[in-house]
Every structure is written in structure tokens, then in C-alpha cells.
Amino acid sequence: MLADADSALIVGTTKGIHAYNADGLQELADYGVPKGQHWSTDGNRILFWTERGVCSAIPFTNLTEKYVSVAPGVRAGGCLVRSGGQKRYLSVIQQGGSAFNSF
């Protein structure tokens, strides 16, 4: 996954998530994104599905890690859905993988 976050290029692989800017490559997370994942923006941040739930950048934040436990899938896609005045990030996964915690 490659996402333009203005101040950096967010690079998501199956092994990790990084930000690339003028200072070089910085690790944001030691977990990655499922194959096929892409990103959406709400105008202020980049949103994307990872092996540990929905994350945002920049700054990098895992939005769901403390609240949900699901298998990340072997392939994933996602998008931001605006409806009824609310914004929701929708992820669609091909079943597979193991949940990272035991909620």
C-alpha cells in the first residue's frame, strides 16, 4: 500500500508500515497490511486496514486495536463511507489469518 500523506509517503507491506520523507524511512508499526489493501482519506488523515485493525496516519494511530479482535484476512479492501452526516471506514476481507489478541 502506498498513500500520500502530504508530509510523507506511507508504505504498507505485509511485514510493516513505514513513512518515507526527507529524513528517510521511519517505521510506524511492526505489523503490516493484508495484500490488496488500499487507503482512503477523510480530508485530514489517511485511513487503512492493517493486520491489527483500522489505522490512521499521520500521526500514525491504531484506531481499533484496543476495541476489536478480528482475523485480518489474507486480502483486504476498504473505503470511507459517508452517510447520514457520519463517516465510517468499511473494510472487506477475504477470510484468513489469526487475530492478534484474544478479546
N, C-alpha and C. Protein backbone atom coordinates (compact mmCIF):
# COMPACT_ATOMS: atom_id res chain seq x y z
N MET A 1 0.85 -1.17 0.00
CA MET A 1 0.00 0.00 0.00
C MET A 1 0.89 1.23 0.00
N LEU A 2 0.60 2.18 -0.84
CA LEU A 2 1.29 3.46 -0.87
C LEU A 2 0.24 4.56 -0.72
N ALA A 3 0.45 5.46 0.23
CA ALA A 3 -0.51 6.53 0.48
C ALA A 3 0.21 7.86 0.63
N ASP A 4 -0.28 8.88 -0.05
CA ASP A 4 0.29 10.22 0.04
C ASP A 4 -0.31 10.93 1.25
N ALA A 5 0.51 11.16 2.27
CA ALA A 5 0.06 11.84 3.48
C ALA A 5 0.62 13.25 3.56
N ASP A 6 0.84 13.89 2.44
CA ASP A 6 1.40 15.24 2.32
C ASP A 6 2.82 15.33 2.87
N SER A 7 3.01 15.14 4.16
CA SER A 7 4.35 15.27 4.75
C SER A 7 5.20 14.01 4.56
N ALA A 8 4.58 12.92 4.12
CA ALA A 8 5.31 11.66 3.94
C ALA A 8 4.53 10.73 3.02
N LEU A 9 5.25 9.76 2.51
CA LEU A 9 4.63 8.67 1.76
C LEU A 9 4.50 7.51 2.73
N ILE A 10 3.28 7.03 2.95
CA ILE A 10 3.06 5.90 3.84
C ILE A 10 3.23 4.64 3.01
N VAL A 11 4.08 3.74 3.48
CA VAL A 11 4.39 2.49 2.78
C VAL A 11 3.95 1.34 3.69
N GLY A 12 2.96 0.58 3.23
CA GLY A 12 2.49 -0.58 3.98
C GLY A 12 2.81 -1.85 3.23
N THR A 13 3.55 -2.75 3.87
CA THR A 13 3.86 -4.05 3.29
C THR A 13 3.24 -5.12 4.18
N THR A 14 3.42 -6.37 3.84
CA THR A 14 2.90 -7.44 4.69
C THR A 14 3.72 -7.59 5.97
N LYS A 15 4.86 -6.93 6.06
CA LYS A 15 5.76 -7.04 7.22
C LYS A 15 5.77 -5.82 8.13
N GLY A 16 5.38 -4.63 7.63
CA GLY A 16 5.43 -3.43 8.44
C GLY A 16 4.83 -2.23 7.74
N ILE A 17 4.73 -1.13 8.50
CA ILE A 17 4.21 0.12 7.98
C ILE A 17 5.26 1.19 8.24
N HIS A 18 5.58 1.97 7.20
CA HIS A 18 6.65 2.96 7.29
C HIS A 18 6.20 4.28 6.71
N ALA A 19 6.89 5.34 7.10
CA ALA A 19 6.71 6.67 6.50
C ALA A 19 8.03 7.05 5.84
N TYR A 20 7.96 7.50 4.60
CA TYR A 20 9.15 7.93 3.88
C TYR A 20 9.03 9.43 3.63
N ASN A 21 10.02 10.20 4.13
CA ASN A 21 10.04 11.64 3.90
C ASN A 21 11.48 12.10 3.70
N ALA A 22 11.73 13.40 3.77
CA ALA A 22 13.07 13.94 3.54
C ALA A 22 14.10 13.41 4.53
N ASP A 23 13.65 12.98 5.70
CA ASP A 23 14.55 12.44 6.72
C ASP A 23 14.85 10.96 6.52
N GLY A 24 14.20 10.32 5.56
CA GLY A 24 14.41 8.91 5.30
C GLY A 24 13.20 8.06 5.64
N LEU A 25 13.44 6.79 5.89
CA LEU A 25 12.38 5.82 6.17
C LEU A 25 12.24 5.61 7.67
N GLN A 26 11.02 5.77 8.19
CA GLN A 26 10.76 5.61 9.62
C GLN A 26 9.70 4.53 9.81
N GLU A 27 9.96 3.58 10.70
CA GLU A 27 8.97 2.54 10.99
C GLU A 27 7.85 3.11 11.85
N LEU A 28 6.62 2.91 11.41
CA LEU A 28 5.45 3.33 12.17
C LEU A 28 4.84 2.17 12.95
N ALA A 29 4.91 0.96 12.38
CA ALA A 29 4.35 -0.23 13.04
C ALA A 29 5.12 -1.45 12.60
N ASP A 30 5.27 -2.41 13.53
CA ASP A 30 5.98 -3.65 13.21
C ASP A 30 5.03 -4.73 12.71
N TYR A 31 3.85 -4.32 12.26
CA TYR A 31 2.89 -5.22 11.61
C TYR A 31 2.48 -4.56 10.31
N GLY A 32 1.95 -5.35 9.40
CA GLY A 32 1.69 -4.84 8.06
C GLY A 32 0.23 -4.75 7.69
N VAL A 33 0.00 -4.71 6.38
CA VAL A 33 -1.34 -4.65 5.82
C VAL A 33 -1.56 -5.90 4.97
N PRO A 34 -2.78 -6.42 4.92
CA PRO A 34 -3.06 -7.56 4.04
C PRO A 34 -2.87 -7.19 2.58
N LYS A 35 -2.60 -8.15 1.76
CA LYS A 35 -2.46 -7.91 0.32
C LYS A 35 -3.72 -7.27 -0.24
N GLY A 36 -3.53 -6.38 -1.19
CA GLY A 36 -4.65 -5.73 -1.85
C GLY A 36 -5.19 -4.51 -1.14
N GLN A 37 -4.71 -4.25 0.06
CA GLN A 37 -5.25 -3.13 0.84
C GLN A 37 -4.93 -1.79 0.17
N HIS A 38 -5.89 -0.90 0.22
CA HIS A 38 -5.67 0.46 -0.25
C HIS A 38 -6.16 1.41 0.82
N TRP A 39 -6.08 2.67 0.60
CA TRP A 39 -6.38 3.65 1.65
C TRP A 39 -7.47 4.60 1.21
N SER A 40 -8.00 5.32 2.19
CA SER A 40 -8.97 6.39 1.95
C SER A 40 -8.54 7.59 2.79
N THR A 41 -9.09 8.75 2.50
CA THR A 41 -8.82 9.92 3.32
C THR A 41 -10.13 10.60 3.70
N ASP A 42 -10.15 11.14 4.91
CA ASP A 42 -11.32 11.92 5.33
C ASP A 42 -11.03 13.42 5.23
N GLY A 43 -9.94 13.76 4.54
CA GLY A 43 -9.55 15.15 4.36
C GLY A 43 -8.47 15.59 5.34
N ASN A 44 -8.38 14.90 6.48
CA ASN A 44 -7.40 15.25 7.50
C ASN A 44 -6.36 14.16 7.72
N ARG A 45 -6.72 12.94 7.42
CA ARG A 45 -5.83 11.81 7.69
C ARG A 45 -6.06 10.70 6.68
N ILE A 46 -5.10 9.79 6.61
CA ILE A 46 -5.19 8.59 5.78
C ILE A 46 -5.74 7.46 6.65
N LEU A 47 -6.69 6.70 6.16
CA LEU A 47 -7.27 5.56 6.88
C LEU A 47 -7.03 4.30 6.09
N PHE A 48 -6.68 3.20 6.78
CA PHE A 48 -6.41 1.93 6.10
C PHE A 48 -6.51 0.77 7.08
N TRP A 49 -6.79 -0.43 6.53
CA TRP A 49 -6.91 -1.67 7.29
C TRP A 49 -5.54 -2.31 7.42
N THR A 50 -5.22 -2.81 8.61
CA THR A 50 -3.94 -3.47 8.86
C THR A 50 -4.18 -4.84 9.47
N GLU A 51 -3.12 -5.53 9.81
CA GLU A 51 -3.23 -6.82 10.48
C GLU A 51 -3.75 -6.67 11.91
N ARG A 52 -3.86 -5.44 12.40
CA ARG A 52 -4.38 -5.18 13.75
C ARG A 52 -5.52 -4.19 13.75
N GLY A 53 -6.26 -4.11 12.67
CA GLY A 53 -7.42 -3.24 12.63
C GLY A 53 -7.21 -1.99 11.81
N VAL A 54 -8.09 -1.00 12.02
CA VAL A 54 -8.05 0.24 11.25
C VAL A 54 -7.04 1.20 11.86
N CYS A 55 -6.19 1.78 11.00
CA CYS A 55 -5.18 2.74 11.44
C CYS A 55 -5.32 4.03 10.66
N SER A 56 -4.73 5.08 11.22
CA SER A 56 -4.70 6.37 10.53
C SER A 56 -3.28 6.91 10.54
N ALA A 57 -3.02 7.82 9.63
CA ALA A 57 -1.70 8.46 9.57
C ALA A 57 -1.88 9.85 8.98
N ILE A 58 -1.08 10.70 9.11
CA ILE A 58 -0.02 10.99 10.06
C ILE A 58 -0.59 11.99 11.07
N PRO A 59 -0.42 11.83 12.38
CA PRO A 59 0.44 10.83 13.01
C PRO A 59 -0.19 9.44 12.95
N PHE A 60 0.65 8.42 13.03
CA PHE A 60 0.17 7.04 12.98
C PHE A 60 -0.56 6.71 14.27
N THR A 61 -1.78 6.18 14.14
CA THR A 61 -2.60 5.77 15.28
C THR A 61 -3.38 4.53 14.89
N ASN A 62 -3.38 3.53 15.78
CA ASN A 62 -4.25 2.37 15.57
C ASN A 62 -5.57 2.72 16.25
N LEU A 63 -6.64 2.82 15.48
CA LEU A 63 -7.93 3.28 15.98
C LEU A 63 -8.77 2.19 16.64
N THR A 64 -8.47 0.92 16.35
CA THR A 64 -9.35 -0.16 16.84
C THR A 64 -8.65 -1.22 17.68
N GLU A 65 -7.34 -1.16 17.80
CA GLU A 65 -6.57 -2.23 18.46
C GLU A 65 -7.07 -2.56 19.86
N LYS A 66 -7.52 -1.57 20.62
CA LYS A 66 -7.98 -1.78 21.99
C LYS A 66 -9.42 -2.23 22.08
N TYR A 67 -10.15 -2.20 20.95
CA TYR A 67 -11.58 -2.42 20.98
C TYR A 67 -12.10 -3.62 20.20
N VAL A 68 -11.28 -4.16 19.31
CA VAL A 68 -11.76 -5.22 18.43
C VAL A 68 -10.68 -6.27 18.21
N SER A 69 -11.10 -7.47 17.97
CA SER A 69 -10.18 -8.56 17.65
C SER A 69 -10.79 -9.37 16.51
N VAL A 70 -10.20 -9.24 15.34
CA VAL A 70 -10.67 -9.99 14.18
C VAL A 70 -9.47 -10.50 13.41
N ALA A 71 -9.67 -11.60 12.72
CA ALA A 71 -8.62 -12.07 11.82
C ALA A 71 -8.47 -11.03 10.71
N PRO A 72 -7.25 -10.67 10.33
CA PRO A 72 -7.05 -9.58 9.38
C PRO A 72 -7.41 -9.91 7.94
N GLY A 73 -7.54 -11.21 7.64
CA GLY A 73 -7.83 -11.62 6.27
C GLY A 73 -6.55 -11.82 5.48
N VAL A 74 -6.64 -12.54 4.40
CA VAL A 74 -5.48 -12.77 3.53
C VAL A 74 -5.44 -11.73 2.41
N ARG A 75 -6.56 -11.10 2.13
CA ARG A 75 -6.66 -9.97 1.21
C ARG A 75 -7.70 -9.03 1.79
N ALA A 76 -7.53 -7.75 1.51
CA ALA A 76 -8.47 -6.79 2.08
C ALA A 76 -8.63 -5.59 1.17
N GLY A 77 -9.74 -4.93 1.34
CA GLY A 77 -10.01 -3.67 0.67
C GLY A 77 -10.82 -2.82 1.62
N GLY A 78 -10.75 -1.53 1.45
CA GLY A 78 -11.51 -0.67 2.35
C GLY A 78 -11.79 0.67 1.71
N CYS A 79 -12.75 1.37 2.29
CA CYS A 79 -13.07 2.71 1.80
C CYS A 79 -13.80 3.48 2.89
N LEU A 80 -13.80 4.77 2.76
CA LEU A 80 -14.53 5.64 3.67
C LEU A 80 -15.93 5.84 3.11
N VAL A 81 -16.94 5.60 3.93
CA VAL A 81 -18.34 5.75 3.53
C VAL A 81 -18.94 6.90 4.31
N ARG A 82 -19.51 7.85 3.60
CA ARG A 82 -20.19 8.99 4.23
C ARG A 82 -21.69 8.80 4.05
N SER A 83 -22.41 8.79 5.17
CA SER A 83 -23.85 8.60 5.10
C SER A 83 -24.50 9.18 6.35
N GLY A 84 -25.59 9.89 6.17
CA GLY A 84 -26.32 10.43 7.31
C GLY A 84 -25.50 11.37 8.16
N GLY A 85 -24.55 12.07 7.57
CA GLY A 85 -23.71 13.00 8.32
C GLY A 85 -22.57 12.35 9.08
N GLN A 86 -22.42 11.04 8.92
CA GLN A 86 -21.34 10.33 9.61
C GLN A 86 -20.35 9.76 8.61
N LYS A 87 -19.10 9.57 9.08
CA LYS A 87 -18.07 8.95 8.27
C LYS A 87 -17.69 7.63 8.93
N ARG A 88 -17.67 6.57 8.13
CA ARG A 88 -17.30 5.24 8.64
C ARG A 88 -16.32 4.60 7.67
N TYR A 89 -15.32 3.93 8.22
CA TYR A 89 -14.38 3.21 7.37
C TYR A 89 -14.88 1.78 7.25
N LEU A 90 -15.06 1.31 6.04
CA LEU A 90 -15.58 -0.03 5.77
C LEU A 90 -14.46 -0.91 5.23
N SER A 91 -14.22 -2.04 5.87
CA SER A 91 -13.21 -3.00 5.41
C SER A 91 -13.90 -4.27 4.95
N VAL A 92 -13.43 -4.79 3.84
CA VAL A 92 -13.92 -6.06 3.32
C VAL A 92 -12.71 -6.97 3.20
N ILE A 93 -12.79 -8.15 3.83
CA ILE A 93 -11.64 -9.04 3.85
C ILE A 93 -11.98 -10.41 3.29
N GLN A 94 -10.97 -11.05 2.71
CA GLN A 94 -11.09 -12.45 2.35
C GLN A 94 -10.64 -13.21 3.58
N GLN A 95 -11.51 -14.07 4.11
CA GLN A 95 -11.28 -14.75 5.37
C GLN A 95 -9.92 -15.41 5.44
N GLY A 96 -9.26 -15.29 6.61
CA GLY A 96 -7.98 -15.93 6.84
C GLY A 96 -7.15 -15.15 7.83
N GLY A 97 -6.07 -15.75 8.25
CA GLY A 97 -5.20 -15.12 9.22
C GLY A 97 -5.68 -15.39 10.63
N SER A 98 -4.95 -14.88 11.60
CA SER A 98 -5.28 -15.07 13.02
C SER A 98 -5.38 -13.72 13.71
N ALA A 99 -6.33 -13.62 14.64
CA ALA A 99 -6.47 -12.39 15.41
C ALA A 99 -5.22 -12.19 16.26
N PHE A 100 -4.82 -10.94 16.47
CA PHE A 100 -3.60 -10.64 17.21
C PHE A 100 -3.80 -10.63 18.70
N ASN A 101 -5.07 -10.58 19.17
CA ASN A 101 -5.34 -10.60 20.60
C ASN A 101 -6.54 -11.52 20.87
N SER A 102 -6.90 -11.64 22.13
CA SER A 102 -7.92 -12.64 22.49
C SER A 102 -9.18 -12.02 23.04
N PHE A 103 -9.59 -10.84 22.56
CA PHE A 103 -10.85 -10.23 23.05
C PHE A 103 -11.99 -11.17 22.81
